[in-house]
Amino acid sequence: MATQITFDYVLYLNTSLGFRFNNGDAFCMKSFSDRIMVISPLGGCDLTAYAKNIAGCFEEGSNLYGLKTIIFSFNGAEVSITKENAISEKIIELWKSEFMKKLHQWKKIRTRLTIDVD
């Protein structure tokens, strides 16, 4: 289903814009330039619904149709989505891969910090 977004509010802390997907989930648009949109979810979003919303942005009928790329972060992992990989299951797979890389980095840092403290 083609995703529709609506403007909701301005986030004054970082001057980002708050929007809502047609299912009500809120997200923060950090930047929009050259048909590339950088977003992050706001509280209460789950990854499955978020991935479906992002995939829908690339469908004809979406008010974001024509975007080149959506870059999103979710729980510290950042993923770039284009029309070619805008399938919710693929988005989740890409996110999990990036999240596991981040988790590995965090574990290495934690181990190093634990060793340094002793």
N, C-alpha and C. Protein backbone atom coordinates (compact mmCIF):
# COMPACT_ATOMS: atom_id res chain seq x y z
N MET A 1 0.84 -1.18 0.00
CA MET A 1 0.00 0.00 0.00
C MET A 1 0.89 1.25 0.00
N ALA A 2 0.56 2.18 -0.81
CA ALA A 2 1.34 3.42 -0.90
C ALA A 2 1.24 4.20 0.40
N THR A 3 2.38 4.62 0.89
CA THR A 3 2.45 5.37 2.13
C THR A 3 2.15 6.84 1.90
N GLN A 4 1.38 7.41 2.79
CA GLN A 4 1.12 8.85 2.80
C GLN A 4 1.70 9.39 4.10
N ILE A 5 2.30 10.56 4.04
CA ILE A 5 2.77 11.19 5.26
C ILE A 5 2.09 12.54 5.43
N THR A 6 1.98 12.96 6.67
CA THR A 6 1.42 14.28 6.96
C THR A 6 2.34 14.99 7.95
N PHE A 7 2.45 16.29 7.78
CA PHE A 7 3.24 17.10 8.70
C PHE A 7 2.53 17.13 10.04
N ASP A 8 3.31 17.02 11.12
CA ASP A 8 2.72 17.01 12.45
C ASP A 8 3.20 18.18 13.30
N TYR A 9 4.51 18.38 13.41
CA TYR A 9 5.03 19.45 14.25
C TYR A 9 6.52 19.67 14.01
N VAL A 10 7.04 20.76 14.57
CA VAL A 10 8.47 21.06 14.52
C VAL A 10 9.07 20.64 15.85
N LEU A 11 10.18 19.90 15.79
CA LEU A 11 10.91 19.52 17.00
C LEU A 11 11.90 20.63 17.29
N TYR A 12 11.65 21.39 18.29
CA TYR A 12 12.46 22.58 18.55
C TYR A 12 13.85 22.27 19.08
N LEU A 13 14.05 21.10 19.65
CA LEU A 13 15.36 20.76 20.20
C LEU A 13 16.43 20.66 19.11
N ASN A 14 16.08 20.08 17.99
CA ASN A 14 17.06 19.92 16.92
C ASN A 14 16.57 20.47 15.58
N THR A 15 15.54 21.24 15.59
CA THR A 15 14.93 21.88 14.41
C THR A 15 14.54 20.89 13.31
N SER A 16 14.29 19.64 13.68
CA SER A 16 13.79 18.66 12.72
C SER A 16 12.28 18.79 12.62
N LEU A 17 11.72 18.19 11.60
CA LEU A 17 10.27 18.22 11.40
C LEU A 17 9.68 16.87 11.77
N GLY A 18 8.57 16.90 12.49
CA GLY A 18 7.86 15.68 12.85
C GLY A 18 6.75 15.40 11.85
N PHE A 19 6.68 14.17 11.40
CA PHE A 19 5.64 13.73 10.46
C PHE A 19 5.00 12.46 10.98
N ARG A 20 3.88 12.10 10.38
CA ARG A 20 3.22 10.82 10.70
C ARG A 20 2.95 10.06 9.41
N PHE A 21 3.19 8.75 9.50
CA PHE A 21 2.79 7.86 8.41
C PHE A 21 1.28 7.67 8.52
N ASN A 22 0.67 7.12 7.45
CA ASN A 22 -0.79 6.96 7.47
C ASN A 22 -1.27 5.98 8.54
N ASN A 23 -0.39 5.17 9.14
CA ASN A 23 -0.81 4.29 10.24
C ASN A 23 -0.69 5.00 11.60
N GLY A 24 -0.24 6.25 11.61
CA GLY A 24 -0.13 7.02 12.84
C GLY A 24 1.26 7.06 13.45
N ASP A 25 2.18 6.19 13.02
CA ASP A 25 3.54 6.21 13.56
C ASP A 25 4.23 7.51 13.20
N ALA A 26 4.93 8.08 14.18
CA ALA A 26 5.60 9.36 13.99
C ALA A 26 7.07 9.14 13.65
N PHE A 27 7.61 10.05 12.85
CA PHE A 27 9.04 10.02 12.56
C PHE A 27 9.56 11.43 12.43
N CYS A 28 10.86 11.54 12.58
CA CYS A 28 11.54 12.82 12.51
C CYS A 28 12.29 12.89 11.19
N MET A 29 12.03 13.93 10.40
CA MET A 29 12.77 14.13 9.16
C MET A 29 13.97 15.02 9.48
N LYS A 30 15.14 14.41 9.44
CA LYS A 30 16.36 15.13 9.79
C LYS A 30 16.85 15.98 8.63
N SER A 31 16.68 15.48 7.40
CA SER A 31 17.06 16.27 6.23
C SER A 31 16.33 15.74 5.00
N PHE A 32 16.23 16.60 4.00
CA PHE A 32 15.62 16.25 2.72
C PHE A 32 16.32 17.09 1.67
N SER A 33 17.10 16.43 0.83
CA SER A 33 17.86 17.15 -0.18
C SER A 33 18.13 16.22 -1.36
N ASP A 34 17.98 16.75 -2.56
CA ASP A 34 18.29 15.99 -3.77
C ASP A 34 17.56 14.64 -3.80
N ARG A 35 16.29 14.63 -3.37
CA ARG A 35 15.44 13.44 -3.34
C ARG A 35 15.95 12.35 -2.40
N ILE A 36 16.77 12.75 -1.41
CA ILE A 36 17.24 11.84 -0.37
C ILE A 36 16.70 12.34 0.96
N MET A 37 15.97 11.47 1.65
CA MET A 37 15.36 11.83 2.92
C MET A 37 16.02 11.03 4.03
N VAL A 38 16.41 11.72 5.10
CA VAL A 38 17.01 11.08 6.27
C VAL A 38 16.02 11.20 7.41
N ILE A 39 15.62 10.03 7.96
CA ILE A 39 14.59 10.02 8.99
C ILE A 39 14.99 9.12 10.16
N SER A 40 14.31 9.31 11.27
CA SER A 40 14.41 8.38 12.40
C SER A 40 13.06 8.31 13.07
N PRO A 41 12.73 7.15 13.65
CA PRO A 41 11.42 7.00 14.27
C PRO A 41 11.32 7.79 15.56
N LEU A 42 10.12 8.13 15.92
CA LEU A 42 9.87 8.70 17.24
C LEU A 42 9.19 7.60 18.07
N GLY A 43 9.17 7.74 19.34
CA GLY A 43 8.71 6.71 20.26
C GLY A 43 7.51 5.90 19.82
N GLY A 44 7.56 4.61 20.12
CA GLY A 44 6.43 3.75 19.89
C GLY A 44 6.39 3.03 18.56
N CYS A 45 7.36 3.27 17.67
CA CYS A 45 7.37 2.59 16.36
C CYS A 45 7.97 1.20 16.52
N ASP A 46 7.40 0.23 15.83
CA ASP A 46 8.05 -1.08 15.78
C ASP A 46 8.63 -1.27 14.38
N LEU A 47 9.69 -2.06 14.29
CA LEU A 47 10.45 -2.17 13.06
C LEU A 47 9.61 -2.72 11.90
N THR A 48 8.75 -3.67 12.16
CA THR A 48 7.94 -4.26 11.08
C THR A 48 7.03 -3.21 10.43
N ALA A 49 6.33 -2.44 11.25
CA ALA A 49 5.45 -1.40 10.72
C ALA A 49 6.27 -0.30 10.05
N TYR A 50 7.41 0.05 10.65
CA TYR A 50 8.28 1.08 10.10
C TYR A 50 8.78 0.67 8.72
N ALA A 51 9.19 -0.59 8.57
CA ALA A 51 9.68 -1.10 7.28
C ALA A 51 8.57 -1.06 6.23
N LYS A 52 7.36 -1.43 6.61
CA LYS A 52 6.23 -1.37 5.67
C LYS A 52 5.96 0.05 5.22
N ASN A 53 6.02 0.99 6.17
CA ASN A 53 5.81 2.39 5.83
C ASN A 53 6.88 2.89 4.87
N ILE A 54 8.13 2.55 5.13
CA ILE A 54 9.22 2.99 4.26
C ILE A 54 9.09 2.38 2.88
N ALA A 55 8.79 1.09 2.81
CA ALA A 55 8.60 0.45 1.51
C ALA A 55 7.48 1.13 0.73
N GLY A 56 6.41 1.50 1.41
CA GLY A 56 5.28 2.16 0.76
C GLY A 56 5.60 3.53 0.20
N CYS A 57 6.65 4.16 0.69
CA CYS A 57 7.05 5.48 0.17
C CYS A 57 7.51 5.41 -1.28
N PHE A 58 7.93 4.24 -1.73
CA PHE A 58 8.44 4.08 -3.09
C PHE A 58 7.36 3.58 -4.06
N GLU A 59 6.14 3.40 -3.57
CA GLU A 59 5.05 2.93 -4.42
C GLU A 59 4.34 4.10 -5.08
N GLU A 60 3.89 3.86 -6.30
CA GLU A 60 3.11 4.88 -6.99
C GLU A 60 1.86 5.17 -6.17
N GLY A 61 1.54 6.45 -6.04
CA GLY A 61 0.41 6.85 -5.22
C GLY A 61 0.83 7.44 -3.88
N SER A 62 2.07 7.19 -3.49
CA SER A 62 2.59 7.78 -2.26
C SER A 62 2.87 9.26 -2.50
N ASN A 63 2.68 10.08 -1.47
CA ASN A 63 3.02 11.49 -1.65
C ASN A 63 4.54 11.71 -1.55
N LEU A 64 5.30 10.63 -1.40
CA LEU A 64 6.77 10.70 -1.46
C LEU A 64 7.31 9.99 -2.69
N TYR A 65 6.41 9.55 -3.56
CA TYR A 65 6.85 8.82 -4.77
C TYR A 65 7.83 9.68 -5.56
N GLY A 66 8.93 9.07 -6.00
CA GLY A 66 9.96 9.81 -6.72
C GLY A 66 11.21 10.00 -5.89
N LEU A 67 11.15 9.60 -4.62
CA LEU A 67 12.36 9.67 -3.79
C LEU A 67 13.45 8.77 -4.37
N LYS A 68 14.69 9.19 -4.22
CA LYS A 68 15.82 8.37 -4.63
C LYS A 68 16.18 7.40 -3.52
N THR A 69 16.27 7.92 -2.30
CA THR A 69 16.74 7.13 -1.16
C THR A 69 16.09 7.62 0.12
N ILE A 70 15.82 6.67 1.01
CA ILE A 70 15.47 6.99 2.39
C ILE A 70 16.55 6.38 3.26
N ILE A 71 17.19 7.21 4.04
CA ILE A 71 18.17 6.73 5.01
C ILE A 71 17.50 6.81 6.37
N PHE A 72 17.46 5.69 7.08
CA PHE A 72 16.83 5.71 8.39
C PHE A 72 17.68 5.02 9.42
N SER A 73 17.57 5.50 10.64
CA SER A 73 18.22 4.83 11.76
C SER A 73 17.14 4.28 12.67
N PHE A 74 17.43 3.14 13.25
CA PHE A 74 16.50 2.50 14.18
C PHE A 74 17.36 1.75 15.19
N ASN A 75 17.27 2.12 16.45
CA ASN A 75 18.07 1.51 17.52
C ASN A 75 19.56 1.50 17.20
N GLY A 76 20.06 2.59 16.64
CA GLY A 76 21.49 2.74 16.42
C GLY A 76 22.03 2.21 15.11
N ALA A 77 21.23 1.51 14.35
CA ALA A 77 21.69 0.97 13.06
C ALA A 77 21.07 1.78 11.93
N GLU A 78 21.89 2.21 10.97
CA GLU A 78 21.43 3.05 9.87
C GLU A 78 21.41 2.25 8.57
N VAL A 79 20.34 2.42 7.80
CA VAL A 79 20.14 1.67 6.55
C VAL A 79 19.69 2.63 5.45
N SER A 80 20.16 2.40 4.24
CA SER A 80 19.74 3.16 3.05
C SER A 80 18.80 2.31 2.22
N ILE A 81 17.64 2.87 1.92
CA ILE A 81 16.64 2.15 1.14
C ILE A 81 16.39 2.90 -0.16
N THR A 82 16.36 2.16 -1.25
CA THR A 82 16.04 2.69 -2.57
C THR A 82 14.84 1.92 -3.12
N LYS A 83 14.36 2.33 -4.26
CA LYS A 83 13.23 1.63 -4.87
C LYS A 83 13.55 0.15 -5.10
N GLU A 84 14.82 -0.14 -5.39
CA GLU A 84 15.23 -1.51 -5.69
C GLU A 84 15.16 -2.44 -4.47
N ASN A 85 15.37 -1.93 -3.26
CA ASN A 85 15.32 -2.80 -2.09
C ASN A 85 14.18 -2.43 -1.13
N ALA A 86 13.18 -1.74 -1.64
CA ALA A 86 12.06 -1.26 -0.81
C ALA A 86 10.98 -2.33 -0.66
N ILE A 87 11.37 -3.42 -0.03
CA ILE A 87 10.46 -4.52 0.31
C ILE A 87 10.60 -4.69 1.82
N SER A 88 9.51 -4.70 2.54
CA SER A 88 9.59 -4.65 4.01
C SER A 88 10.47 -5.76 4.58
N GLU A 89 10.37 -6.97 4.06
CA GLU A 89 11.20 -8.07 4.57
C GLU A 89 12.68 -7.82 4.31
N LYS A 90 13.00 -7.27 3.15
CA LYS A 90 14.39 -6.94 2.80
C LYS A 90 14.91 -5.81 3.70
N ILE A 91 14.06 -4.82 3.97
CA ILE A 91 14.45 -3.71 4.84
C ILE A 91 14.80 -4.24 6.23
N ILE A 92 13.98 -5.15 6.76
CA ILE A 92 14.25 -5.74 8.08
C ILE A 92 15.55 -6.53 8.05
N GLU A 93 15.77 -7.28 6.98
CA GLU A 93 17.00 -8.07 6.82
C GLU A 93 18.23 -7.15 6.79
N LEU A 94 18.16 -6.07 6.03
CA LEU A 94 19.26 -5.11 5.96
C LEU A 94 19.50 -4.47 7.33
N TRP A 95 18.42 -4.11 8.01
CA TRP A 95 18.56 -3.49 9.33
C TRP A 95 19.20 -4.47 10.31
N LYS A 96 18.76 -5.73 10.32
CA LYS A 96 19.33 -6.72 11.25
C LYS A 96 20.82 -6.88 11.01
N SER A 97 21.23 -6.90 9.74
CA SER A 97 22.64 -7.03 9.41
C SER A 97 23.43 -5.85 9.97
N GLU A 98 22.93 -4.63 9.76
CA GLU A 98 23.61 -3.44 10.28
C GLU A 98 23.60 -3.42 11.81
N PHE A 99 22.50 -3.83 12.41
CA PHE A 99 22.41 -3.86 13.87
C PHE A 99 23.43 -4.83 14.46
N MET A 100 23.59 -6.00 13.83
CA MET A 100 24.56 -6.98 14.33
C MET A 100 25.99 -6.43 14.23
N LYS A 101 26.29 -5.69 13.17
CA LYS A 101 27.61 -5.05 13.05
C LYS A 101 27.81 -4.06 14.19
N LYS A 102 26.79 -3.23 14.44
CA LYS A 102 26.87 -2.25 15.53
C LYS A 102 27.03 -2.94 16.88
N LEU A 103 26.27 -4.01 17.09
CA LEU A 103 26.34 -4.75 18.35
C LEU A 103 27.75 -5.29 18.57
N HIS A 104 28.34 -5.81 17.52
CA HIS A 104 29.71 -6.32 17.60
C HIS A 104 30.68 -5.18 17.97
N GLN A 105 30.51 -4.01 17.34
CA GLN A 105 31.35 -2.85 17.67
C GLN A 105 31.17 -2.44 19.12
N TRP A 106 29.93 -2.39 19.59
CA TRP A 106 29.67 -2.00 20.97
C TRP A 106 30.29 -2.98 21.95
N LYS A 107 30.23 -4.29 21.63
CA LYS A 107 30.83 -5.30 22.51
C LYS A 107 32.34 -5.14 22.58
N LYS A 108 32.96 -4.84 21.44
CA LYS A 108 34.41 -4.63 21.42
C LYS A 108 34.79 -3.42 22.29
N ILE A 109 34.02 -2.36 22.16
CA ILE A 109 34.29 -1.15 22.95
C ILE A 109 34.10 -1.45 24.44
N ARG A 110 33.03 -2.13 24.77
CA ARG A 110 32.76 -2.47 26.18
C ARG A 110 33.87 -3.34 26.75
N THR A 111 34.34 -4.31 25.98
CA THR A 111 35.42 -5.18 26.43
C THR A 111 36.69 -4.37 26.66
N ARG A 112 36.99 -3.48 25.73
CA ARG A 112 38.18 -2.64 25.85
C ARG A 112 38.09 -1.74 27.08
N LEU A 113 36.91 -1.15 27.31
CA LEU A 113 36.73 -0.29 28.47
C LEU A 113 36.82 -1.08 29.78
N THR A 114 36.32 -2.29 29.77
CA THR A 114 36.38 -3.14 30.98
C THR A 114 37.83 -3.49 31.29
N ILE A 115 38.60 -3.80 30.27
CA ILE A 115 40.02 -4.13 30.45
C ILE A 115 40.78 -2.89 30.94
N ASP A 116 40.48 -1.73 30.38
CA ASP A 116 41.17 -0.50 30.76
C ASP A 116 40.91 -0.10 32.21
N VAL A 117 39.72 -0.43 32.72
CA VAL A 117 39.35 -0.05 34.07
C VAL A 117 40.11 -0.90 35.09
N ASP A 118 40.33 -2.17 34.78
CA ASP A 118 40.98 -3.08 35.73
C ASP A 118 42.41 -2.77 35.96
